Amino acid sequence: MGLDWTDFFAALAIVCIIEGIMPFLNPQGMKRLLARIAAMEERELRLGGLFSMGVGLAILFLVRS
């Protein structure tokens, strides 16, 4: 099973669409969220990133298996 660039770019496009939903629908809420994130400790950010990667990996595993 080789790397399929079409799937890669489709996934990248979906990420961009999802990332753009909140600033488009609620820009003030996005600003508040980013201010809260900026105030977080590095350890909290790392744990949040680790959790997010784990959830994404689990979803990918379920979808692709």
N, C-alpha and C. Protein backbone atom coordinates (compact mmCIF):
# COMPACT_ATOMS: atom_id res chain seq x y z
N MET A 1 0.84 -1.18 0.00
CA MET A 1 0.00 0.00 0.00
C MET A 1 0.89 1.24 0.00
N GLY A 2 0.91 1.95 -1.11
CA GLY A 2 1.75 3.13 -1.24
C GLY A 2 1.04 4.39 -0.77
N LEU A 3 1.80 5.44 -0.72
CA LEU A 3 1.26 6.73 -0.32
C LEU A 3 0.38 7.28 -1.43
N ASP A 4 -0.83 7.60 -1.12
CA ASP A 4 -1.76 8.17 -2.09
C ASP A 4 -1.86 9.67 -1.83
N TRP A 5 -1.25 10.46 -2.71
CA TRP A 5 -1.22 11.90 -2.52
C TRP A 5 -2.61 12.52 -2.57
N THR A 6 -3.51 11.91 -3.32
CA THR A 6 -4.88 12.42 -3.39
C THR A 6 -5.53 12.36 -2.01
N ASP A 7 -5.38 11.25 -1.31
CA ASP A 7 -5.93 11.13 0.05
C ASP A 7 -5.28 12.13 0.99
N PHE A 8 -3.97 12.31 0.86
CA PHE A 8 -3.24 13.24 1.72
C PHE A 8 -3.78 14.66 1.55
N PHE A 9 -3.91 15.11 0.31
CA PHE A 9 -4.38 16.47 0.08
C PHE A 9 -5.86 16.63 0.41
N ALA A 10 -6.65 15.57 0.25
CA ALA A 10 -8.06 15.62 0.67
C ALA A 10 -8.15 15.78 2.18
N ALA A 11 -7.32 15.05 2.92
CA ALA A 11 -7.30 15.17 4.38
C ALA A 11 -6.85 16.57 4.79
N LEU A 12 -5.84 17.10 4.12
CA LEU A 12 -5.35 18.45 4.41
C LEU A 12 -6.44 19.49 4.15
N ALA A 13 -7.19 19.31 3.07
CA ALA A 13 -8.28 20.23 2.75
C ALA A 13 -9.36 20.18 3.83
N ILE A 14 -9.68 18.98 4.31
CA ILE A 14 -10.70 18.84 5.36
C ILE A 14 -10.23 19.52 6.64
N VAL A 15 -8.96 19.38 6.98
CA VAL A 15 -8.41 20.06 8.17
C VAL A 15 -8.57 21.56 8.03
N CYS A 16 -8.24 22.10 6.86
CA CYS A 16 -8.37 23.55 6.63
C CYS A 16 -9.82 24.01 6.77
N ILE A 17 -10.74 23.23 6.23
CA ILE A 17 -12.16 23.57 6.32
C ILE A 17 -12.61 23.57 7.78
N ILE A 18 -12.26 22.53 8.52
CA ILE A 18 -12.67 22.43 9.93
C ILE A 18 -12.04 23.55 10.75
N GLU A 19 -10.76 23.83 10.50
CA GLU A 19 -10.07 24.90 11.24
C GLU A 19 -10.69 26.27 10.96
N GLY A 20 -11.27 26.45 9.80
CA GLY A 20 -11.83 27.75 9.44
C GLY A 20 -13.26 27.97 9.90
N ILE A 21 -13.93 26.93 10.37
CA ILE A 21 -15.35 27.06 10.74
C ILE A 21 -15.53 28.03 11.91
N MET A 22 -14.79 27.86 12.99
CA MET A 22 -15.01 28.69 14.18
C MET A 22 -14.69 30.17 13.95
N PRO A 23 -13.54 30.50 13.34
CA PRO A 23 -13.30 31.94 13.12
C PRO A 23 -14.33 32.57 12.16
N PHE A 24 -14.86 31.78 11.24
CA PHE A 24 -15.86 32.30 10.32
C PHE A 24 -17.19 32.54 11.04
N LEU A 25 -17.62 31.57 11.84
CA LEU A 25 -18.93 31.66 12.49
C LEU A 25 -18.91 32.54 13.74
N ASN A 26 -17.79 32.53 14.49
CA ASN A 26 -17.76 33.24 15.77
C ASN A 26 -16.36 33.83 15.99
N PRO A 27 -16.03 34.92 15.28
CA PRO A 27 -14.67 35.47 15.42
C PRO A 27 -14.34 35.97 16.83
N GLN A 28 -15.32 36.54 17.55
CA GLN A 28 -15.06 37.01 18.92
C GLN A 28 -14.78 35.83 19.85
N GLY A 29 -15.53 34.76 19.68
CA GLY A 29 -15.29 33.56 20.48
C GLY A 29 -13.92 32.97 20.20
N MET A 30 -13.51 33.02 18.94
CA MET A 30 -12.19 32.52 18.57
C MET A 30 -11.09 33.36 19.23
N LYS A 31 -11.27 34.67 19.25
CA LYS A 31 -10.30 35.53 19.92
C LYS A 31 -10.18 35.21 21.40
N ARG A 32 -11.34 35.00 22.05
CA ARG A 32 -11.32 34.64 23.48
C ARG A 32 -10.62 33.30 23.70
N LEU A 33 -10.91 32.33 22.83
CA LEU A 33 -10.28 31.02 22.95
C LEU A 33 -8.77 31.13 22.78
N LEU A 34 -8.33 31.88 21.78
CA LEU A 34 -6.89 32.03 21.57
C LEU A 34 -6.20 32.74 22.73
N ALA A 35 -6.89 33.71 23.35
CA ALA A 35 -6.34 34.39 24.52
C ALA A 35 -6.18 33.40 25.68
N ARG A 36 -7.16 32.53 25.85
CA ARG A 36 -7.07 31.52 26.93
C ARG A 36 -5.94 30.54 26.65
N ILE A 37 -5.81 30.14 25.39
CA ILE A 37 -4.74 29.20 25.02
C ILE A 37 -3.38 29.85 25.26
N ALA A 38 -3.25 31.13 24.91
CA ALA A 38 -1.97 31.83 25.11
C ALA A 38 -1.59 31.92 26.58
N ALA A 39 -2.59 31.93 27.46
CA ALA A 39 -2.33 32.02 28.90
C ALA A 39 -2.04 30.67 29.54
N MET A 40 -2.21 29.58 28.81
CA MET A 40 -2.00 28.24 29.38
C MET A 40 -0.50 27.95 29.54
N GLU A 41 -0.21 27.08 30.47
CA GLU A 41 1.15 26.61 30.66
C GLU A 41 1.54 25.67 29.52
N GLU A 42 2.84 25.57 29.24
CA GLU A 42 3.31 24.69 28.18
C GLU A 42 2.90 23.24 28.41
N ARG A 43 2.95 22.81 29.66
CA ARG A 43 2.60 21.42 29.98
C ARG A 43 1.14 21.13 29.61
N GLU A 44 0.24 22.08 29.91
CA GLU A 44 -1.17 21.91 29.56
C GLU A 44 -1.36 21.84 28.05
N LEU A 45 -0.64 22.69 27.34
CA LEU A 45 -0.74 22.67 25.88
C LEU A 45 -0.24 21.35 25.30
N ARG A 46 0.87 20.86 25.84
CA ARG A 46 1.41 19.58 25.37
C ARG A 46 0.44 18.44 25.63
N LEU A 47 -0.15 18.42 26.82
CA LEU A 47 -1.12 17.37 27.14
C LEU A 47 -2.36 17.46 26.24
N GLY A 48 -2.81 18.67 25.97
CA GLY A 48 -3.94 18.85 25.07
C GLY A 48 -3.60 18.38 23.66
N GLY A 49 -2.40 18.69 23.20
CA GLY A 49 -1.95 18.23 21.89
C GLY A 49 -1.83 16.72 21.83
N LEU A 50 -1.30 16.13 22.89
CA LEU A 50 -1.17 14.68 22.95
C LEU A 50 -2.54 14.01 22.92
N PHE A 51 -3.48 14.56 23.68
CA PHE A 51 -4.84 14.02 23.70
C PHE A 51 -5.48 14.13 22.31
N SER A 52 -5.31 15.28 21.68
CA SER A 52 -5.87 15.48 20.34
C SER A 52 -5.29 14.51 19.33
N MET A 53 -3.98 14.29 19.38
CA MET A 53 -3.35 13.33 18.48
C MET A 53 -3.85 11.92 18.75
N GLY A 54 -4.04 11.57 20.01
CA GLY A 54 -4.54 10.24 20.35
C GLY A 54 -5.95 10.01 19.84
N VAL A 55 -6.81 11.01 20.00
CA VAL A 55 -8.18 10.90 19.50
C VAL A 55 -8.16 10.79 17.98
N GLY A 56 -7.36 11.61 17.32
CA GLY A 56 -7.26 11.54 15.86
C GLY A 56 -6.75 10.20 15.38
N LEU A 57 -5.76 9.67 16.07
CA LEU A 57 -5.21 8.36 15.71
C LEU A 57 -6.25 7.26 15.90
N ALA A 58 -7.00 7.33 16.98
CA ALA A 58 -8.04 6.33 17.22
C ALA A 58 -9.13 6.40 16.14
N ILE A 59 -9.54 7.60 15.79
CA ILE A 59 -10.55 7.75 14.74
C ILE A 59 -10.02 7.23 13.41
N LEU A 60 -8.79 7.57 13.07
CA LEU A 60 -8.18 7.08 11.83
C LEU A 60 -8.10 5.57 11.81
N PHE A 61 -7.73 4.97 12.94
CA PHE A 61 -7.65 3.52 13.03
C PHE A 61 -9.03 2.88 12.79
N LEU A 62 -10.05 3.45 13.42
CA LEU A 62 -11.40 2.92 13.27
C LEU A 62 -11.91 3.06 11.84
N VAL A 63 -11.61 4.18 11.21
CA VAL A 63 -12.09 4.43 9.85
C VAL A 63 -11.35 3.56 8.85
N ARG A 64 -10.07 3.38 9.04
CA ARG A 64 -9.25 2.65 8.07
C ARG A 64 -9.20 1.15 8.29
N SER A 65 -9.72 0.64 9.39
CA SER A 65 -9.65 -0.80 9.62
C SER A 65 -10.89 -1.53 9.15
